[in-house]
Amino acid sequence: MKKKREYQSSELVKSFARIYGFEDKLLAFEVKDFLHDYLNDALFNEIQSVNLSKKILEIKIKSPLLKNDFRMRKTFFLNKFNEQFPEADFTDLQIL
């Protein structure tokens, strides 16, 4: 099992994020960690970035094949992310 980043369990970091307004960035890091656990290393290495803006999750992918796969299974992944992070209540998933 991979070691989780310390920030995920730190209430201090979460309250700091709330105060300074970077909760979305922290959540995007958690989604990226989830993808690292969910995908194999070769596929995960094709993920360039994960961002969150106004409840819309944006995943930038280098590989055209993986990008197409994510687009075809957009609803599946959006539901998966909402199950994993119910407090986030993502409204959309954009594959860039």
N, C-alpha and C. Protein backbone atom coordinates (compact mmCIF):
# COMPACT_ATOMS: atom_id res chain seq x y z
N MET A 1 0.83 -1.20 0.00
CA MET A 1 0.00 0.00 0.00
C MET A 1 0.87 1.25 0.00
N LYS A 2 0.51 2.18 -0.84
CA LYS A 2 1.29 3.41 -0.95
C LYS A 2 1.04 4.30 0.25
N LYS A 3 2.06 5.02 0.64
CA LYS A 3 1.95 5.93 1.77
C LYS A 3 1.16 7.16 1.35
N LYS A 4 0.16 7.49 2.11
CA LYS A 4 -0.64 8.67 1.81
C LYS A 4 0.10 9.92 2.24
N ARG A 5 -0.13 10.99 1.55
CA ARG A 5 0.50 12.25 1.92
C ARG A 5 -0.06 12.70 3.26
N GLU A 6 0.80 13.30 4.03
CA GLU A 6 0.42 13.73 5.38
C GLU A 6 -0.68 14.79 5.38
N TYR A 7 -0.72 15.64 4.33
CA TYR A 7 -1.70 16.72 4.35
C TYR A 7 -3.13 16.21 4.36
N GLN A 8 -3.36 14.97 3.89
CA GLN A 8 -4.72 14.48 3.80
C GLN A 8 -5.38 14.35 5.18
N SER A 9 -4.60 14.01 6.18
CA SER A 9 -5.19 13.77 7.49
C SER A 9 -5.01 14.96 8.43
N SER A 10 -4.33 15.99 7.99
CA SER A 10 -4.02 17.10 8.86
C SER A 10 -5.17 18.12 8.91
N GLU A 11 -5.79 18.22 10.06
CA GLU A 11 -6.85 19.21 10.24
C GLU A 11 -6.28 20.62 10.19
N LEU A 12 -5.05 20.77 10.67
CA LEU A 12 -4.40 22.08 10.64
C LEU A 12 -4.25 22.57 9.20
N VAL A 13 -3.80 21.68 8.32
CA VAL A 13 -3.64 22.06 6.92
C VAL A 13 -5.00 22.38 6.30
N LYS A 14 -6.02 21.58 6.63
CA LYS A 14 -7.36 21.83 6.07
C LYS A 14 -7.92 23.17 6.53
N SER A 15 -7.73 23.51 7.81
CA SER A 15 -8.25 24.80 8.27
C SER A 15 -7.43 25.96 7.68
N PHE A 16 -6.13 25.76 7.51
CA PHE A 16 -5.28 26.75 6.85
C PHE A 16 -5.76 26.96 5.41
N ALA A 17 -6.08 25.88 4.72
CA ALA A 17 -6.58 25.96 3.34
C ALA A 17 -7.89 26.73 3.28
N ARG A 18 -8.77 26.48 4.26
CA ARG A 18 -10.05 27.20 4.31
C ARG A 18 -9.82 28.70 4.49
N ILE A 19 -8.93 29.05 5.42
CA ILE A 19 -8.66 30.47 5.72
C ILE A 19 -8.08 31.19 4.50
N TYR A 20 -7.13 30.55 3.85
CA TYR A 20 -6.42 31.22 2.75
C TYR A 20 -6.98 30.90 1.37
N GLY A 21 -8.06 30.12 1.32
CA GLY A 21 -8.78 29.92 0.06
C GLY A 21 -8.13 28.99 -0.95
N PHE A 22 -7.36 28.00 -0.49
CA PHE A 22 -6.84 27.05 -1.47
C PHE A 22 -7.34 25.64 -1.21
N GLU A 23 -8.57 25.55 -0.73
CA GLU A 23 -9.20 24.24 -0.51
C GLU A 23 -9.30 23.45 -1.82
N ASP A 24 -9.60 24.15 -2.92
CA ASP A 24 -9.74 23.47 -4.21
C ASP A 24 -8.43 22.81 -4.62
N LYS A 25 -7.31 23.49 -4.39
CA LYS A 25 -6.00 22.94 -4.76
C LYS A 25 -5.70 21.70 -3.92
N LEU A 26 -6.02 21.76 -2.65
CA LEU A 26 -5.80 20.63 -1.75
C LEU A 26 -6.64 19.43 -2.20
N LEU A 27 -7.89 19.67 -2.56
CA LEU A 27 -8.77 18.61 -3.03
C LEU A 27 -8.28 18.04 -4.36
N ALA A 28 -7.77 18.90 -5.24
CA ALA A 28 -7.22 18.44 -6.52
C ALA A 28 -6.03 17.50 -6.27
N PHE A 29 -5.19 17.81 -5.27
CA PHE A 29 -4.08 16.91 -4.92
C PHE A 29 -4.60 15.56 -4.45
N GLU A 30 -5.68 15.58 -3.68
CA GLU A 30 -6.26 14.33 -3.17
C GLU A 30 -6.83 13.50 -4.33
N VAL A 31 -7.46 14.15 -5.30
CA VAL A 31 -7.99 13.44 -6.48
C VAL A 31 -6.84 12.84 -7.26
N LYS A 32 -5.75 13.59 -7.41
CA LYS A 32 -4.59 13.08 -8.15
C LYS A 32 -4.00 11.86 -7.43
N ASP A 33 -3.94 11.91 -6.10
CA ASP A 33 -3.47 10.75 -5.33
C ASP A 33 -4.39 9.54 -5.54
N PHE A 34 -5.69 9.80 -5.57
CA PHE A 34 -6.66 8.73 -5.81
C PHE A 34 -6.41 8.09 -7.18
N LEU A 35 -6.18 8.94 -8.20
CA LEU A 35 -5.90 8.43 -9.55
C LEU A 35 -4.61 7.61 -9.57
N HIS A 36 -3.63 8.02 -8.78
CA HIS A 36 -2.37 7.28 -8.71
C HIS A 36 -2.61 5.88 -8.16
N ASP A 37 -3.49 5.77 -7.18
CA ASP A 37 -3.84 4.46 -6.63
C ASP A 37 -4.70 3.65 -7.59
N TYR A 38 -5.57 4.33 -8.34
CA TYR A 38 -6.55 3.69 -9.19
C TYR A 38 -5.94 3.19 -10.51
N LEU A 39 -5.05 3.99 -11.10
CA LEU A 39 -4.44 3.64 -12.39
C LEU A 39 -3.09 2.98 -12.17
N ASN A 40 -2.63 2.24 -13.16
CA ASN A 40 -1.26 1.72 -13.05
C ASN A 40 -0.28 2.87 -13.32
N ASP A 41 0.99 2.65 -13.00
CA ASP A 41 1.98 3.73 -13.10
C ASP A 41 2.11 4.29 -14.51
N ALA A 42 2.08 3.43 -15.52
CA ALA A 42 2.22 3.89 -16.91
C ALA A 42 1.08 4.84 -17.28
N LEU A 43 -0.14 4.49 -16.90
CA LEU A 43 -1.28 5.36 -17.20
C LEU A 43 -1.23 6.64 -16.37
N PHE A 44 -0.89 6.49 -15.09
CA PHE A 44 -0.84 7.67 -14.22
C PHE A 44 0.19 8.68 -14.72
N ASN A 45 1.28 8.20 -15.29
CA ASN A 45 2.31 9.11 -15.80
C ASN A 45 1.82 9.95 -16.98
N GLU A 46 0.69 9.57 -17.58
CA GLU A 46 0.10 10.35 -18.66
C GLU A 46 -0.76 11.52 -18.15
N ILE A 47 -1.04 11.53 -16.84
CA ILE A 47 -1.83 12.61 -16.24
C ILE A 47 -0.89 13.79 -16.01
N GLN A 48 -1.14 14.90 -16.70
CA GLN A 48 -0.29 16.09 -16.54
C GLN A 48 -0.67 16.88 -15.30
N SER A 49 -1.96 17.10 -15.12
CA SER A 49 -2.39 17.90 -13.97
C SER A 49 -3.85 17.62 -13.64
N VAL A 50 -4.19 17.93 -12.39
CA VAL A 50 -5.57 17.84 -11.92
C VAL A 50 -5.85 19.17 -11.22
N ASN A 51 -6.92 19.84 -11.66
CA ASN A 51 -7.30 21.12 -11.06
C ASN A 51 -8.78 21.11 -10.76
N LEU A 52 -9.16 21.99 -9.87
CA LEU A 52 -10.56 22.13 -9.49
C LEU A 52 -10.90 23.61 -9.49
N SER A 53 -11.98 23.94 -10.20
CA SER A 53 -12.41 25.33 -10.26
C SER A 53 -13.94 25.35 -10.29
N LYS A 54 -14.54 26.00 -9.31
CA LYS A 54 -16.00 26.12 -9.22
C LYS A 54 -16.69 24.77 -9.34
N LYS A 55 -16.19 23.78 -8.59
CA LYS A 55 -16.74 22.43 -8.52
C LYS A 55 -16.59 21.63 -9.82
N ILE A 56 -15.79 22.15 -10.77
CA ILE A 56 -15.52 21.44 -12.02
C ILE A 56 -14.10 20.90 -11.94
N LEU A 57 -13.99 19.59 -12.03
CA LEU A 57 -12.71 18.92 -11.98
C LEU A 57 -12.12 18.89 -13.39
N GLU A 58 -10.89 19.34 -13.52
CA GLU A 58 -10.22 19.37 -14.83
C GLU A 58 -8.99 18.47 -14.77
N ILE A 59 -8.94 17.49 -15.67
CA ILE A 59 -7.81 16.58 -15.72
C ILE A 59 -7.14 16.73 -17.08
N LYS A 60 -5.88 17.13 -17.05
CA LYS A 60 -5.11 17.30 -18.29
C LYS A 60 -4.30 16.03 -18.52
N ILE A 61 -4.51 15.41 -19.69
CA ILE A 61 -3.90 14.12 -20.02
C ILE A 61 -3.08 14.24 -21.30
N LYS A 62 -1.85 13.72 -21.27
CA LYS A 62 -0.95 13.78 -22.44
C LYS A 62 -1.36 12.80 -23.53
N SER A 63 -1.66 11.57 -23.16
CA SER A 63 -1.93 10.51 -24.13
C SER A 63 -3.32 10.65 -24.77
N PRO A 64 -3.37 10.72 -26.10
CA PRO A 64 -4.67 10.80 -26.79
C PRO A 64 -5.57 9.59 -26.49
N LEU A 65 -4.96 8.41 -26.36
CA LEU A 65 -5.77 7.21 -26.07
C LEU A 65 -6.39 7.26 -24.69
N LEU A 66 -5.61 7.64 -23.69
CA LEU A 66 -6.13 7.74 -22.32
C LEU A 66 -7.15 8.87 -22.22
N LYS A 67 -6.87 9.96 -22.92
CA LYS A 67 -7.79 11.10 -22.94
C LYS A 67 -9.15 10.66 -23.49
N ASN A 68 -9.12 9.89 -24.58
CA ASN A 68 -10.35 9.39 -25.19
C ASN A 68 -11.08 8.44 -24.24
N ASP A 69 -10.34 7.57 -23.56
CA ASP A 69 -10.93 6.64 -22.61
C ASP A 69 -11.63 7.39 -21.48
N PHE A 70 -10.98 8.41 -20.94
CA PHE A 70 -11.59 9.21 -19.88
C PHE A 70 -12.84 9.92 -20.38
N ARG A 71 -12.79 10.43 -21.61
CA ARG A 71 -13.96 11.13 -22.17
C ARG A 71 -15.14 10.17 -22.35
N MET A 72 -14.85 8.96 -22.83
CA MET A 72 -15.92 7.97 -23.03
C MET A 72 -16.51 7.51 -21.70
N ARG A 73 -15.70 7.50 -20.66
CA ARG A 73 -16.17 7.04 -19.35
C ARG A 73 -16.31 8.19 -18.35
N LYS A 74 -16.59 9.37 -18.88
CA LYS A 74 -16.68 10.58 -18.07
C LYS A 74 -17.66 10.42 -16.90
N THR A 75 -18.86 9.92 -17.18
CA THR A 75 -19.87 9.75 -16.14
C THR A 75 -19.40 8.78 -15.06
N PHE A 76 -18.77 7.69 -15.49
CA PHE A 76 -18.23 6.71 -14.55
C PHE A 76 -17.22 7.37 -13.62
N PHE A 77 -16.26 8.12 -14.20
CA PHE A 77 -15.23 8.75 -13.38
C PHE A 77 -15.80 9.84 -12.48
N LEU A 78 -16.73 10.63 -12.99
CA LEU A 78 -17.35 11.68 -12.18
C LEU A 78 -18.06 11.07 -10.98
N ASN A 79 -18.80 9.98 -11.21
CA ASN A 79 -19.46 9.28 -10.11
C ASN A 79 -18.45 8.71 -9.12
N LYS A 80 -17.36 8.14 -9.63
CA LYS A 80 -16.31 7.57 -8.80
C LYS A 80 -15.70 8.65 -7.90
N PHE A 81 -15.39 9.81 -8.47
CA PHE A 81 -14.81 10.90 -7.69
C PHE A 81 -15.79 11.42 -6.65
N ASN A 82 -17.07 11.50 -7.00
CA ASN A 82 -18.07 11.97 -6.04
C ASN A 82 -18.29 10.97 -4.91
N GLU A 83 -18.15 9.67 -5.22
CA GLU A 83 -18.23 8.64 -4.16
C GLU A 83 -17.04 8.78 -3.21
N GLN A 84 -15.87 8.97 -3.77
CA GLN A 84 -14.63 9.04 -3.00
C GLN A 84 -14.53 10.33 -2.19
N PHE A 85 -15.06 11.42 -2.75
CA PHE A 85 -14.98 12.74 -2.11
C PHE A 85 -16.37 13.37 -2.05
N PRO A 86 -17.27 12.82 -1.24
CA PRO A 86 -18.65 13.31 -1.21
C PRO A 86 -18.77 14.79 -0.81
N GLU A 87 -17.84 15.27 0.00
CA GLU A 87 -17.90 16.67 0.43
C GLU A 87 -17.62 17.64 -0.72
N ALA A 88 -16.99 17.16 -1.77
CA ALA A 88 -16.62 18.03 -2.90
C ALA A 88 -17.81 18.34 -3.79
N ASP A 89 -18.69 17.37 -4.00
CA ASP A 89 -19.87 17.55 -4.85
C ASP A 89 -19.50 18.14 -6.22
N PHE A 90 -18.60 17.42 -6.93
CA PHE A 90 -18.17 17.87 -8.26
C PHE A 90 -19.37 17.93 -9.19
N THR A 91 -19.48 19.01 -9.98
CA THR A 91 -20.61 19.14 -10.90
C THR A 91 -20.27 18.66 -12.30
N ASP A 92 -18.96 18.68 -12.66
CA ASP A 92 -18.58 18.29 -14.00
C ASP A 92 -17.12 17.83 -14.00
N LEU A 93 -16.78 17.08 -15.04
CA LEU A 93 -15.43 16.61 -15.25
C LEU A 93 -15.01 17.00 -16.65
N GLN A 94 -13.93 17.75 -16.76
CA GLN A 94 -13.42 18.15 -18.07
C GLN A 94 -12.09 17.44 -18.30
N ILE A 95 -11.98 16.80 -19.46
CA ILE A 95 -10.76 16.13 -19.85
C ILE A 95 -10.08 17.00 -20.89
N LEU A 96 -8.91 17.49 -20.56
CA LEU A 96 -8.20 18.43 -21.42
C LEU A 96 -6.96 17.80 -22.03
